[in-house]
Amino acid sequence: MQEDRFFTPREIAAALTFVVLAVLMGAGSYRTGFRMSGGNGGAAMSASTAAAPVNGQSLYATNCAGCHGAQAQGGVGPGLGITKDWSDAAFAEAVLHGKTPEGRNLSPVMPRFGETGLDGAPATDEQINAIHAFVKGL
């Protein structure tokens, strides 16, 4: 028959020591953080003031790939290989206003992003140039 086993005084002392040390370390860490934050109860956080870089691949995927294909190979809209040779200004004119460098009007299906904007906001030169750079890199 097995006897009931109780904790020894040494095991109880070790467990209590562990608990006391854990509480002291936690309280000390909290106090250190409190002092370092100027006493306001937490670490001071501030939003980054630098704007995130424009991601041409992401903009292309959300605004262009549905018609021109994931790799600009064409689909509903034409392939964009020819635009690799266009200047940034010519590319912007096509994307924003639907005019090719030759003065031809693009299909009415092509959104005029100068009017509709990109991702719900007015299109910027930086965004258009980032999309053009992405297409050139394909």
Protein backbone atom coordinates (compact mmCIF):
# COMPACT_ATOMS: atom_id res chain seq x y z
CA MET A 1 0.00 0.00 0.00
CA GLN A 2 1.27 3.45 -0.99
CA GLU A 3 1.57 6.11 1.67
CA ASP A 4 0.38 9.69 1.18
CA ARG A 5 3.29 11.91 0.31
CA PHE A 6 3.54 15.41 1.72
CA PHE A 7 5.96 18.14 0.74
CA THR A 8 9.06 18.36 2.83
CA PRO A 9 9.93 21.59 4.59
CA ARG A 10 12.82 22.05 2.17
CA GLU A 11 10.49 21.78 -0.88
CA ILE A 12 8.06 24.27 0.66
CA ALA A 13 10.88 26.73 1.40
CA ALA A 14 12.19 26.42 -2.17
CA ALA A 15 8.72 27.07 -3.65
CA LEU A 16 8.16 30.09 -1.41
CA THR A 17 11.60 31.46 -2.26
CA PHE A 18 10.79 31.11 -5.96
CA VAL A 19 7.47 32.94 -5.56
CA VAL A 20 9.03 35.76 -3.53
CA LEU A 21 11.84 36.23 -6.07
CA ALA A 22 9.38 36.25 -8.97
CA VAL A 23 7.23 38.90 -7.27
CA LEU A 24 10.29 41.05 -6.46
CA MET A 25 11.60 40.80 -10.03
CA GLY A 26 8.21 41.72 -11.47
CA ALA A 27 7.77 44.68 -9.14
CA GLY A 28 11.32 45.87 -9.83
CA SER A 29 10.81 45.63 -13.58
CA TYR A 30 7.54 47.51 -13.35
CA ARG A 31 9.12 50.27 -11.26
CA THR A 32 12.08 50.56 -13.64
CA GLY A 33 9.74 50.88 -16.61
CA PHE A 34 7.63 53.41 -14.74
CA ARG A 35 10.67 55.57 -13.97
CA MET A 36 12.04 55.31 -17.52
CA SER A 37 8.73 56.42 -19.00
CA GLY A 38 8.71 59.59 -16.96
CA GLY A 39 6.21 58.26 -14.48
CA ASN A 40 3.29 58.21 -16.86
CA GLY A 41 2.54 54.54 -16.30
CA GLY A 42 3.90 53.09 -19.48
CA ALA A 43 6.46 53.35 -22.18
CA ALA A 44 6.17 56.44 -24.33
CA MET A 45 5.17 55.59 -27.89
CA SER A 46 4.98 57.88 -30.86
CA ALA A 47 3.86 57.32 -34.41
CA SER A 48 6.47 57.29 -37.11
CA THR A 49 6.62 60.62 -38.88
CA ALA A 50 8.30 59.22 -41.98
CA ALA A 51 5.97 58.28 -44.79
CA ALA A 52 6.11 54.68 -45.90
CA PRO A 53 7.73 54.22 -49.30
CA VAL A 54 5.31 53.81 -52.19
CA ASN A 55 5.08 50.18 -53.29
CA GLY A 56 4.58 50.03 -57.06
CA GLN A 57 3.94 46.29 -57.02
CA SER A 58 1.14 46.65 -54.49
CA LEU A 59 -0.41 49.59 -56.36
CA TYR A 60 -0.22 47.65 -59.63
CA ALA A 61 -1.80 44.58 -58.03
CA THR A 62 -4.75 46.51 -56.61
CA ASN A 63 -5.38 48.91 -59.49
CA CYS A 64 -4.03 47.41 -62.73
CA ALA A 65 -3.53 43.65 -62.58
CA GLY A 66 -7.24 42.86 -62.82
CA CYS A 67 -7.24 44.02 -66.45
CA HIS A 68 -3.59 43.95 -67.52
CA GLY A 69 -2.58 40.66 -65.84
CA ALA A 70 -0.34 39.97 -62.87
CA GLN A 71 2.78 40.23 -65.03
CA ALA A 72 1.42 43.00 -67.33
CA GLN A 73 0.99 40.34 -70.03
CA GLY A 74 -2.53 41.49 -70.90
CA GLY A 75 -6.00 40.20 -70.24
CA VAL A 76 -9.11 42.36 -70.48
CA GLY A 77 -6.72 45.23 -71.18
CA PRO A 78 -3.62 45.07 -73.39
CA GLY A 79 -0.17 43.94 -72.31
CA LEU A 80 1.96 46.77 -70.97
CA GLY A 81 5.32 45.78 -72.47
CA ILE A 82 5.30 48.83 -74.76
CA THR A 83 5.10 51.18 -71.79
CA LYS A 84 8.57 50.16 -70.66
CA ASP A 85 9.97 52.50 -73.32
CA TRP A 86 7.71 55.41 -72.39
CA SER A 87 8.93 58.29 -70.27
CA ASP A 88 7.46 58.69 -66.81
CA ALA A 89 5.50 61.71 -68.07
CA ALA A 90 4.03 59.73 -71.00
CA PHE A 91 3.11 56.83 -68.69
CA ALA A 92 1.47 59.27 -66.27
CA GLU A 93 -0.54 60.85 -69.09
CA ALA A 94 -1.84 57.42 -70.12
CA VAL A 95 -2.68 56.33 -66.58
CA LEU A 96 -4.15 59.61 -65.41
CA HIS A 97 -5.90 60.84 -68.55
CA GLY A 98 -6.09 57.92 -71.00
CA LYS A 99 -3.81 59.38 -73.70
CA THR A 100 -0.88 57.54 -75.31
CA PRO A 101 2.33 59.36 -76.29
CA GLU A 102 1.05 59.28 -79.90
CA GLY A 103 -2.09 61.17 -78.79
CA ARG A 104 -4.41 58.19 -79.16
CA ASN A 105 -7.25 57.88 -76.64
CA LEU A 106 -7.25 54.67 -74.65
CA SER A 107 -10.37 52.54 -74.39
CA PRO A 108 -13.17 54.03 -72.30
CA VAL A 109 -12.91 50.90 -70.14
CA MET A 110 -9.52 52.14 -68.92
CA PRO A 111 -10.09 54.18 -65.73
CA ARG A 112 -8.82 57.73 -65.83
CA PHE A 113 -6.97 57.58 -62.52
CA GLY A 114 -6.57 61.37 -62.57
CA GLU A 115 -10.33 61.47 -61.94
CA THR A 116 -10.89 58.29 -59.94
CA GLY A 117 -7.67 58.24 -57.92
CA LEU A 118 -5.67 55.24 -56.72
CA ASP A 119 -6.86 53.29 -53.69
CA GLY A 120 -9.53 55.88 -52.95
CA ALA A 121 -7.21 58.89 -52.88
CA PRO A 122 -5.95 61.26 -55.58
CA ALA A 123 -3.05 59.71 -57.51
CA THR A 124 0.39 61.19 -56.84
CA ASP A 125 3.38 61.42 -59.16
CA GLU A 126 5.27 59.16 -56.75
CA GLN A 127 2.59 56.45 -57.05
CA ILE A 128 2.47 56.64 -60.86
CA ASN A 129 6.28 56.52 -61.10
CA ALA A 130 6.35 53.53 -58.70
CA ILE A 131 3.85 51.64 -60.87
CA HIS A 132 5.86 52.49 -64.00
CA ALA A 133 9.08 51.31 -62.33
CA PHE A 134 7.36 48.04 -61.38
CA VAL A 135 6.10 47.47 -64.94
CA LYS A 136 9.58 48.27 -66.34
CA GLY A 137 11.05 45.65 -64.00
CA LEU A 138 8.81 42.84 -65.27
